[in-house]
């Protein structure tokens, strides 16, 4: 965020607005991740079950062969996959936002690795944070899923930037 001097007055750099927006986006996503991680295990499980229930209600006509007991077992088993997909999605968004932030800072070419590393570091600290949340704890698998999501998000932005330059 540099200020260029023009006839003695400070004139904001043309990159100031995108940098501020990208910074706010990164902070907002990090805050959302922190908020979700701060939920006790019972609340987190309830939210995951609610999402799974909405997904299955959409597909219920196709799954009409299941009775109510089988339906409940399917919902319970799917909650784990919903939670892991949520981890991937949250950190995919963080990877995208960090990659955009580096691009806004004027470092669009070599920003994939730093964006991925920062997101992975945040994933590790997020898991450590869960040690202090009722009923939750750190999981190395979650750090791996988070890291993969961040890498995919940052790589997608990198591919879009390369594609845009070739046009």
N, C-alpha and C. Protein backbone atom coordinates (compact mmCIF):
# COMPACT_ATOMS: atom_id res chain seq x y z
N UNK A 1 0.84 -1.17 0.00
CA UNK A 1 0.00 0.00 0.00
C UNK A 1 0.89 1.24 0.00
N UNK A 2 1.31 1.61 -1.15
CA UNK A 2 2.22 2.72 -1.24
C UNK A 2 1.46 4.00 -1.58
N UNK A 3 2.00 5.10 -1.13
CA UNK A 3 1.44 6.42 -1.46
C UNK A 3 2.46 7.08 -2.39
N UNK A 4 2.00 7.43 -3.55
CA UNK A 4 2.88 8.12 -4.50
C UNK A 4 2.70 9.63 -4.33
N UNK A 5 3.78 10.35 -4.42
CA UNK A 5 3.74 11.81 -4.29
C UNK A 5 3.47 12.42 -5.66
N UNK A 6 2.54 13.36 -5.68
CA UNK A 6 2.22 14.06 -6.91
C UNK A 6 2.07 15.53 -6.57
N UNK A 7 3.00 16.34 -7.00
CA UNK A 7 3.01 17.78 -6.75
C UNK A 7 2.83 18.11 -5.27
N UNK A 8 3.54 17.35 -4.44
CA UNK A 8 3.54 17.67 -3.02
C UNK A 8 2.37 17.09 -2.24
N UNK A 9 1.39 16.51 -2.91
CA UNK A 9 0.24 15.93 -2.19
C UNK A 9 0.31 14.42 -2.29
N UNK A 10 -0.18 13.77 -1.26
CA UNK A 10 -0.22 12.31 -1.28
C UNK A 10 -1.40 11.83 -2.12
N UNK A 11 -1.13 11.05 -3.13
CA UNK A 11 -2.17 10.48 -3.98
C UNK A 11 -2.12 8.97 -3.81
N UNK A 12 -3.25 8.35 -3.43
CA UNK A 12 -3.23 6.90 -3.23
C UNK A 12 -2.83 6.17 -4.51
N UNK A 13 -2.07 5.12 -4.33
CA UNK A 13 -1.67 4.26 -5.43
C UNK A 13 -2.92 3.62 -6.05
N UNK A 14 -2.91 3.35 -7.35
CA UNK A 14 -4.07 2.69 -7.96
C UNK A 14 -4.31 1.28 -7.39
N UNK A 15 -3.30 0.71 -6.72
CA UNK A 15 -3.46 -0.63 -6.14
C UNK A 15 -4.00 -0.59 -4.72
N UNK A 16 -4.22 0.59 -4.15
CA UNK A 16 -4.64 0.68 -2.76
C UNK A 16 -6.00 0.05 -2.52
N UNK A 17 -6.98 0.36 -3.36
CA UNK A 17 -8.34 -0.18 -3.16
C UNK A 17 -8.37 -1.70 -3.30
N UNK A 18 -7.80 -2.28 -4.36
CA UNK A 18 -7.81 -3.74 -4.43
C UNK A 18 -7.07 -4.40 -3.27
N UNK A 19 -5.98 -3.78 -2.82
CA UNK A 19 -5.23 -4.34 -1.70
C UNK A 19 -6.06 -4.32 -0.43
N UNK A 20 -6.75 -3.21 -0.18
CA UNK A 20 -7.61 -3.13 1.01
C UNK A 20 -8.75 -4.13 0.93
N UNK A 21 -9.37 -4.23 -0.23
CA UNK A 21 -10.47 -5.18 -0.39
C UNK A 21 -9.99 -6.62 -0.19
N UNK A 22 -8.86 -6.95 -0.78
CA UNK A 22 -8.32 -8.30 -0.63
C UNK A 22 -7.95 -8.57 0.83
N UNK A 23 -7.40 -7.57 1.51
CA UNK A 23 -7.05 -7.72 2.92
C UNK A 23 -8.30 -7.97 3.76
N UNK A 24 -9.35 -7.21 3.50
CA UNK A 24 -10.61 -7.41 4.24
C UNK A 24 -11.20 -8.78 3.97
N UNK A 25 -11.09 -9.23 2.72
CA UNK A 25 -11.60 -10.56 2.38
C UNK A 25 -10.85 -11.65 3.13
N UNK A 26 -9.52 -11.55 3.17
CA UNK A 26 -8.70 -12.52 3.91
C UNK A 26 -9.10 -12.53 5.38
N UNK A 27 -9.20 -11.35 5.98
CA UNK A 27 -9.55 -11.26 7.40
C UNK A 27 -10.95 -11.79 7.68
N UNK A 28 -11.90 -11.51 6.79
CA UNK A 28 -13.27 -12.00 6.98
C UNK A 28 -13.33 -13.52 6.92
N UNK A 29 -12.61 -14.11 5.99
CA UNK A 29 -12.60 -15.58 5.88
C UNK A 29 -11.91 -16.19 7.08
N UNK A 30 -10.82 -15.60 7.52
CA UNK A 30 -10.14 -16.11 8.72
C UNK A 30 -11.05 -16.01 9.95
N UNK A 31 -11.79 -14.93 10.05
CA UNK A 31 -12.70 -14.76 11.18
C UNK A 31 -13.82 -15.81 11.13
N UNK A 32 -14.33 -16.08 9.94
CA UNK A 32 -15.38 -17.10 9.80
C UNK A 32 -14.86 -18.47 10.19
N UNK A 33 -13.64 -18.79 9.75
CA UNK A 33 -13.03 -20.08 10.11
C UNK A 33 -12.86 -20.16 11.63
N UNK A 34 -12.38 -19.09 12.23
CA UNK A 34 -12.19 -19.07 13.69
C UNK A 34 -13.53 -19.27 14.39
N UNK A 35 -14.58 -18.61 13.89
CA UNK A 35 -15.91 -18.71 14.51
C UNK A 35 -16.42 -20.15 14.43
N UNK A 36 -16.31 -20.78 13.26
CA UNK A 36 -16.76 -22.17 13.14
C UNK A 36 -15.95 -23.09 14.06
N UNK A 37 -14.65 -22.84 14.18
CA UNK A 37 -13.81 -23.68 15.03
C UNK A 37 -14.08 -23.47 16.51
N UNK A 38 -14.62 -22.32 16.87
CA UNK A 38 -14.90 -22.02 18.27
C UNK A 38 -16.21 -22.65 18.75
N UNK A 39 -16.97 -23.25 17.84
CA UNK A 39 -18.22 -23.89 18.24
C UNK A 39 -17.93 -25.20 18.97
N UNK A 40 -18.63 -25.43 20.08
CA UNK A 40 -18.47 -26.72 20.77
C UNK A 40 -18.85 -27.87 19.85
N UNK A 41 -18.39 -29.06 20.17
CA UNK A 41 -18.62 -30.24 19.33
C UNK A 41 -20.10 -30.48 19.07
N UNK A 42 -20.94 -30.27 20.07
CA UNK A 42 -22.37 -30.54 19.87
C UNK A 42 -22.98 -29.58 18.85
N UNK A 43 -22.60 -28.30 18.93
CA UNK A 43 -23.11 -27.32 17.96
C UNK A 43 -22.60 -27.63 16.56
N UNK A 44 -21.32 -27.98 16.46
CA UNK A 44 -20.72 -28.29 15.16
C UNK A 44 -21.40 -29.51 14.54
N UNK A 45 -21.63 -30.54 15.35
CA UNK A 45 -22.29 -31.75 14.84
C UNK A 45 -23.72 -31.44 14.41
N UNK A 46 -24.40 -30.60 15.17
CA UNK A 46 -25.78 -30.23 14.82
C UNK A 46 -25.81 -29.47 13.49
N UNK A 47 -24.86 -28.55 13.31
CA UNK A 47 -24.79 -27.79 12.06
C UNK A 47 -24.50 -28.72 10.88
N UNK A 48 -23.58 -29.65 11.06
CA UNK A 48 -23.25 -30.60 9.99
C UNK A 48 -24.45 -31.48 9.65
N UNK A 49 -25.16 -31.94 10.68
CA UNK A 49 -26.35 -32.76 10.44
C UNK A 49 -27.43 -31.97 9.73
N UNK A 50 -27.55 -30.69 10.06
CA UNK A 50 -28.54 -29.83 9.41
C UNK A 50 -28.23 -29.67 7.92
N UNK A 51 -26.96 -29.47 7.61
CA UNK A 51 -26.55 -29.34 6.20
C UNK A 51 -26.79 -30.66 5.47
N UNK A 52 -26.40 -31.77 6.08
CA UNK A 52 -26.61 -33.09 5.46
C UNK A 52 -28.10 -33.34 5.23
N UNK A 53 -28.93 -32.96 6.21
CA UNK A 53 -30.37 -33.15 6.08
C UNK A 53 -30.93 -32.37 4.88
N UNK A 54 -30.47 -31.14 4.71
CA UNK A 54 -30.95 -30.32 3.58
C UNK A 54 -30.51 -30.91 2.25
N UNK A 55 -29.30 -31.43 2.20
CA UNK A 55 -28.82 -32.06 0.97
C UNK A 55 -29.67 -33.28 0.65
N UNK A 56 -29.92 -34.11 1.66
CA UNK A 56 -30.68 -35.34 1.42
C UNK A 56 -32.15 -35.07 1.16
N UNK A 57 -32.70 -34.01 1.71
CA UNK A 57 -34.10 -33.69 1.40
C UNK A 57 -34.25 -33.33 -0.07
N UNK A 58 -33.21 -32.74 -0.62
CA UNK A 58 -33.23 -32.42 -2.04
C UNK A 58 -33.25 -33.70 -2.88
N UNK A 59 -32.49 -34.71 -2.44
CA UNK A 59 -32.39 -35.96 -3.18
C UNK A 59 -33.34 -37.04 -2.67
N UNK A 60 -34.21 -36.72 -1.73
CA UNK A 60 -35.07 -37.73 -1.10
C UNK A 60 -35.89 -38.53 -2.12
N UNK A 61 -36.47 -37.91 -3.14
CA UNK A 61 -37.23 -38.74 -4.09
C UNK A 61 -36.39 -39.84 -4.72
N UNK A 62 -35.13 -39.56 -4.98
CA UNK A 62 -34.25 -40.57 -5.58
C UNK A 62 -33.83 -41.62 -4.56
N UNK A 63 -33.92 -41.26 -3.27
CA UNK A 63 -33.51 -42.17 -2.20
C UNK A 63 -34.71 -42.76 -1.48
N UNK A 64 -35.83 -42.86 -2.16
CA UNK A 64 -37.08 -43.32 -1.54
C UNK A 64 -37.02 -44.78 -1.10
N UNK A 65 -36.02 -45.51 -1.51
CA UNK A 65 -35.92 -46.92 -1.14
C UNK A 65 -35.55 -47.11 0.33
N UNK A 66 -35.04 -46.05 1.00
CA UNK A 66 -34.64 -46.15 2.40
C UNK A 66 -35.83 -45.95 3.32
N UNK A 67 -35.90 -46.74 4.40
CA UNK A 67 -36.92 -46.50 5.42
C UNK A 67 -36.37 -45.44 6.39
N UNK A 68 -37.18 -45.02 7.37
CA UNK A 68 -36.78 -43.94 8.27
C UNK A 68 -35.53 -44.27 9.07
N UNK A 69 -35.39 -45.51 9.51
CA UNK A 69 -34.22 -45.90 10.28
C UNK A 69 -32.95 -45.83 9.43
N UNK A 70 -33.05 -46.32 8.20
CA UNK A 70 -31.91 -46.25 7.29
C UNK A 70 -31.59 -44.80 6.92
N UNK A 71 -32.64 -44.01 6.80
CA UNK A 71 -32.49 -42.59 6.47
C UNK A 71 -31.68 -41.88 7.56
N UNK A 72 -32.02 -42.14 8.83
CA UNK A 72 -31.32 -41.52 9.95
C UNK A 72 -29.86 -41.99 10.01
N UNK A 73 -29.62 -43.25 9.76
CA UNK A 73 -28.25 -43.78 9.75
C UNK A 73 -27.43 -43.14 8.63
N UNK A 74 -28.05 -42.94 7.48
CA UNK A 74 -27.39 -42.29 6.36
C UNK A 74 -27.03 -40.84 6.71
N UNK A 75 -27.96 -40.14 7.34
CA UNK A 75 -27.69 -38.76 7.76
C UNK A 75 -26.53 -38.70 8.75
N UNK A 76 -26.52 -39.61 9.70
CA UNK A 76 -25.47 -39.63 10.71
C UNK A 76 -24.10 -39.90 10.07
N UNK A 77 -24.05 -40.86 9.18
CA UNK A 77 -22.79 -41.21 8.52
C UNK A 77 -22.30 -40.08 7.61
N UNK A 78 -23.21 -39.35 7.03
CA UNK A 78 -22.84 -38.30 6.09
C UNK A 78 -22.32 -37.06 6.79
N UNK A 79 -22.66 -36.88 8.07
CA UNK A 79 -22.20 -35.70 8.82
C UNK A 79 -20.69 -35.56 8.79
N UNK A 80 -19.96 -36.67 8.88
CA UNK A 80 -18.50 -36.63 8.84
C UNK A 80 -18.02 -36.06 7.50
N UNK A 81 -18.61 -36.52 6.41
CA UNK A 81 -18.20 -36.04 5.09
C UNK A 81 -18.55 -34.56 4.89
N UNK A 82 -19.66 -34.15 5.46
CA UNK A 82 -20.05 -32.73 5.38
C UNK A 82 -19.01 -31.88 6.11
N UNK A 83 -18.57 -32.33 7.29
CA UNK A 83 -17.56 -31.58 8.04
C UNK A 83 -16.24 -31.50 7.27
N UNK A 84 -15.83 -32.60 6.67
CA UNK A 84 -14.57 -32.58 5.92
C UNK A 84 -14.70 -31.71 4.67
N UNK A 85 -15.85 -31.75 4.01
CA UNK A 85 -16.08 -30.87 2.85
C UNK A 85 -16.09 -29.40 3.28
N UNK A 86 -16.60 -29.14 4.47
CA UNK A 86 -16.60 -27.76 4.99
C UNK A 86 -15.16 -27.29 5.22
N UNK A 87 -14.32 -28.16 5.78
CA UNK A 87 -12.90 -27.82 5.96
C UNK A 87 -12.27 -27.45 4.62
N UNK A 88 -12.47 -28.30 3.63
CA UNK A 88 -11.89 -28.06 2.31
C UNK A 88 -12.40 -26.74 1.73
N UNK A 89 -13.70 -26.50 1.83
CA UNK A 89 -14.31 -25.31 1.24
C UNK A 89 -13.85 -24.03 1.92
N UNK A 90 -13.80 -24.04 3.25
CA UNK A 90 -13.34 -22.84 3.98
C UNK A 90 -11.92 -22.47 3.57
N UNK A 91 -11.07 -23.46 3.50
CA UNK A 91 -9.67 -23.17 3.18
C UNK A 91 -9.44 -22.98 1.69
N UNK A 92 -10.33 -23.50 0.84
CA UNK A 92 -10.31 -23.17 -0.58
C UNK A 92 -10.54 -21.66 -0.72
N UNK A 93 -11.54 -21.15 -0.01
CA UNK A 93 -11.83 -19.71 -0.03
C UNK A 93 -10.66 -18.91 0.52
N UNK A 94 -10.02 -19.41 1.58
CA UNK A 94 -8.86 -18.71 2.13
C UNK A 94 -7.70 -18.72 1.14
N UNK A 95 -7.48 -19.83 0.46
CA UNK A 95 -6.43 -19.89 -0.55
C UNK A 95 -6.68 -18.91 -1.69
N UNK A 96 -7.93 -18.84 -2.13
CA UNK A 96 -8.29 -17.87 -3.19
C UNK A 96 -8.02 -16.45 -2.71
N UNK A 97 -8.50 -16.13 -1.50
CA UNK A 97 -8.36 -14.76 -1.01
C UNK A 97 -6.90 -14.38 -0.76
N UNK A 98 -6.11 -15.32 -0.23
CA UNK A 98 -4.69 -15.01 -0.03
C UNK A 98 -3.97 -14.82 -1.35
N UNK A 99 -4.31 -15.63 -2.34
CA UNK A 99 -3.68 -15.50 -3.67
C UNK A 99 -4.05 -14.16 -4.30
N UNK A 100 -5.32 -13.75 -4.14
CA UNK A 100 -5.74 -12.43 -4.63
C UNK A 100 -5.04 -11.31 -3.88
N UNK A 101 -4.83 -11.51 -2.60
CA UNK A 101 -4.15 -10.50 -1.78
C UNK A 101 -2.72 -10.30 -2.28
N UNK A 102 -2.01 -11.41 -2.54
CA UNK A 102 -0.65 -11.29 -3.06
C UNK A 102 -0.66 -10.62 -4.44
N UNK A 103 -1.63 -10.95 -5.26
CA UNK A 103 -1.72 -10.31 -6.58
C UNK A 103 -1.97 -8.81 -6.43
N UNK A 104 -2.82 -8.43 -5.47
CA UNK A 104 -3.10 -7.01 -5.24
C UNK A 104 -1.87 -6.28 -4.71
N UNK A 105 -1.02 -6.99 -4.01
CA UNK A 105 0.22 -6.39 -3.52
C UNK A 105 1.25 -6.19 -4.63
N UNK A 106 0.93 -6.72 -5.81
CA UNK A 106 1.84 -6.56 -6.94
C UNK A 106 2.80 -7.72 -7.12
N UNK A 107 2.48 -8.85 -6.52
CA UNK A 107 3.32 -10.04 -6.64
C UNK A 107 2.50 -11.21 -7.21
N UNK A 108 1.98 -11.04 -8.43
CA UNK A 108 1.09 -12.07 -8.95
C UNK A 108 1.76 -13.35 -9.41
N UNK A 109 3.03 -13.31 -9.75
CA UNK A 109 3.66 -14.50 -10.35
C UNK A 109 4.13 -15.53 -9.33
N UNK A 110 4.68 -15.07 -8.24
CA UNK A 110 5.29 -16.02 -7.29
C UNK A 110 4.49 -16.08 -5.98
N UNK A 111 3.19 -16.00 -6.08
CA UNK A 111 2.38 -15.93 -4.87
C UNK A 111 1.71 -17.24 -4.50
N UNK A 112 1.78 -18.24 -5.35
CA UNK A 112 1.10 -19.51 -5.05
C UNK A 112 1.66 -20.16 -3.79
N UNK A 113 2.96 -20.31 -3.72
CA UNK A 113 3.58 -20.97 -2.58
C UNK A 113 3.35 -20.19 -1.27
N UNK A 114 3.60 -18.88 -1.24
CA UNK A 114 3.34 -18.16 0.02
C UNK A 114 1.87 -18.19 0.45
N UNK A 115 0.96 -18.11 -0.51
CA UNK A 115 -0.47 -18.16 -0.17
C UNK A 115 -0.81 -19.52 0.43
N UNK A 116 -0.31 -20.57 -0.17
CA UNK A 116 -0.57 -21.92 0.34
C UNK A 116 0.05 -22.13 1.71
N UNK A 117 1.29 -21.66 1.89
CA UNK A 117 1.97 -21.82 3.18
C UNK A 117 1.27 -21.03 4.30
N UNK A 118 0.85 -19.81 4.01
CA UNK A 118 0.13 -19.03 5.02
C UNK A 118 -1.19 -19.70 5.41
N UNK A 119 -1.91 -20.20 4.42
CA UNK A 119 -3.17 -20.88 4.71
C UNK A 119 -2.93 -22.16 5.50
N UNK A 120 -1.87 -22.90 5.18
CA UNK A 120 -1.55 -24.12 5.91
C UNK A 120 -1.15 -23.80 7.35
N UNK A 121 -0.40 -22.74 7.54
CA UNK A 121 -0.03 -22.31 8.89
C UNK A 121 -1.29 -21.93 9.68
N UNK A 122 -2.21 -21.23 9.02
CA UNK A 122 -3.46 -20.87 9.69
C UNK A 122 -4.27 -22.12 10.03
N UNK A 123 -4.24 -23.11 9.15
CA UNK A 123 -4.94 -24.37 9.42
C UNK A 123 -4.37 -25.05 10.66
N UNK A 124 -3.05 -25.05 10.78
CA UNK A 124 -2.42 -25.67 11.96
C UNK A 124 -2.79 -24.92 13.23
N UNK A 125 -2.77 -23.59 13.19
CA UNK A 125 -3.14 -22.82 14.38
C UNK A 125 -4.63 -22.97 14.69
N UNK A 126 -5.43 -23.15 13.65
CA UNK A 126 -6.86 -23.38 13.86
C UNK A 126 -7.10 -24.70 14.59
N UNK A 127 -6.36 -25.72 14.23
CA UNK A 127 -6.49 -27.00 14.92
C UNK A 127 -6.00 -26.90 16.36
N UNK A 128 -4.95 -26.14 16.59
CA UNK A 128 -4.48 -25.93 17.97
C UNK A 128 -5.54 -25.18 18.78
N UNK A 129 -6.20 -24.22 18.14
CA UNK A 129 -7.27 -23.47 18.79
C UNK A 129 -8.38 -24.40 19.26
N UNK A 130 -8.65 -25.45 18.50
CA UNK A 130 -9.72 -26.37 18.86
C UNK A 130 -9.41 -27.18 20.12
N UNK A 131 -8.16 -27.20 20.55
CA UNK A 131 -7.80 -27.88 21.81
C UNK A 131 -8.51 -27.22 22.99
N UNK A 132 -8.85 -25.95 22.85
CA UNK A 132 -9.45 -25.19 23.94
C UNK A 132 -10.97 -25.08 23.81
N UNK A 133 -11.55 -25.79 22.85
CA UNK A 133 -12.99 -25.75 22.62
C UNK A 133 -13.61 -27.04 23.15
N UNK A 134 -14.73 -26.91 23.86
CA UNK A 134 -15.39 -28.03 24.50
C UNK A 134 -15.73 -29.15 23.51
N UNK A 135 -15.19 -30.33 23.76
CA UNK A 135 -15.50 -31.50 22.95
C UNK A 135 -14.75 -31.59 21.64
N UNK A 136 -13.84 -30.67 21.38
CA UNK A 136 -13.10 -30.68 20.12
C UNK A 136 -11.63 -30.87 20.40
N UNK A 137 -10.89 -31.18 19.37
CA UNK A 137 -9.46 -31.37 19.50
C UNK A 137 -8.79 -31.28 18.15
N UNK A 138 -7.47 -31.20 18.14
CA UNK A 138 -6.75 -31.08 16.88
C UNK A 138 -6.72 -32.40 16.11
N UNK A 139 -6.71 -32.28 14.80
CA UNK A 139 -6.63 -33.47 13.95
C UNK A 139 -5.70 -33.16 12.77
N UNK A 140 -4.67 -33.96 12.64
CA UNK A 140 -3.72 -33.77 11.54
C UNK A 140 -4.41 -33.96 10.19
N UNK A 141 -5.38 -34.86 10.12
CA UNK A 141 -6.12 -35.06 8.87
C UNK A 141 -6.81 -33.77 8.43
N UNK A 142 -7.36 -33.04 9.40
CA UNK A 142 -8.03 -31.78 9.07
C UNK A 142 -7.05 -30.75 8.52
N UNK A 143 -5.84 -30.71 9.08
CA UNK A 143 -4.81 -29.80 8.55
C UNK A 143 -4.50 -30.17 7.11
N UNK A 144 -4.41 -31.46 6.82
CA UNK A 144 -4.16 -31.91 5.45
C UNK A 144 -5.28 -31.53 4.50
N UNK A 145 -6.52 -31.71 4.94
CA UNK A 145 -7.67 -31.35 4.10
C UNK A 145 -7.70 -29.85 3.89
N UNK A 146 -7.45 -29.09 4.96
CA UNK A 146 -7.42 -27.63 4.86
C UNK A 146 -6.33 -27.17 3.90
N UNK A 147 -5.16 -27.78 4.02
CA UNK A 147 -4.03 -27.42 3.18
C UNK A 147 -4.32 -27.72 1.71
N UNK A 148 -4.92 -28.86 1.45
CA UNK A 148 -5.29 -29.22 0.08
C UNK A 148 -6.32 -28.23 -0.49
N UNK A 149 -7.29 -27.86 0.33
CA UNK A 149 -8.29 -26.87 -0.11
C UNK A 149 -7.64 -25.54 -0.45
N UNK A 150 -6.71 -25.09 0.41
CA UNK A 150 -6.02 -23.82 0.16
C UNK A 150 -5.17 -23.89 -1.10
N UNK A 151 -4.49 -25.03 -1.30
CA UNK A 151 -3.68 -25.19 -2.51
C UNK A 151 -4.55 -25.14 -3.76
N UNK A 152 -5.68 -25.82 -3.73
CA UNK A 152 -6.58 -25.82 -4.89
C UNK A 152 -7.12 -24.42 -5.16
N UNK A 153 -7.49 -23.69 -4.12
CA UNK A 153 -8.01 -22.34 -4.30
C UNK A 153 -6.96 -21.40 -4.85
N UNK A 154 -5.76 -21.44 -4.29
CA UNK A 154 -4.68 -20.57 -4.76
C UNK A 154 -4.28 -20.94 -6.18
N UNK A 155 -4.26 -22.24 -6.48
CA UNK A 155 -3.90 -22.68 -7.84
C UNK A 155 -4.95 -22.25 -8.86
N UNK A 156 -6.21 -22.27 -8.47
CA UNK A 156 -7.26 -21.83 -9.38
C UNK A 156 -7.07 -20.35 -9.76
N UNK A 157 -6.77 -19.52 -8.77
CA UNK A 157 -6.52 -18.10 -9.06
C UNK A 157 -5.29 -17.96 -9.95
N UNK A 158 -4.25 -18.73 -9.67
CA UNK A 158 -3.04 -18.67 -10.50
C UNK A 158 -3.35 -19.04 -11.95
N UNK A 159 -4.15 -20.08 -12.14
CA UNK A 159 -4.53 -20.48 -13.50
C UNK A 159 -5.36 -19.40 -14.19
N UNK A 160 -6.25 -18.78 -13.44
CA UNK A 160 -7.06 -17.69 -14.01
C UNK A 160 -6.19 -16.51 -14.43
N UNK A 161 -5.18 -16.19 -13.61
CA UNK A 161 -4.27 -15.09 -13.94
C UNK A 161 -3.47 -15.42 -15.19
N UNK A 162 -2.96 -16.64 -15.29
CA UNK A 162 -2.20 -17.06 -16.47
C UNK A 162 -3.09 -17.02 -17.71
N UNK A 163 -4.30 -17.54 -17.58
CA UNK A 163 -5.24 -17.55 -18.70
C UNK A 163 -5.57 -16.12 -19.15
N UNK A 164 -5.76 -15.24 -18.20
CA UNK A 164 -6.10 -13.85 -18.52
C UNK A 164 -4.95 -13.15 -19.26
N UNK A 165 -3.73 -13.45 -18.85
CA UNK A 165 -2.57 -12.83 -19.50
C UNK A 165 -2.37 -13.31 -20.93
N UNK A 166 -2.76 -14.55 -21.20
CA UNK A 166 -2.57 -15.11 -22.54
C UNK A 166 -3.62 -14.63 -23.52
N UNK A 167 -4.65 -14.02 -23.06
CA UNK A 167 -5.72 -13.54 -23.95
C UNK A 167 -5.35 -12.27 -24.64
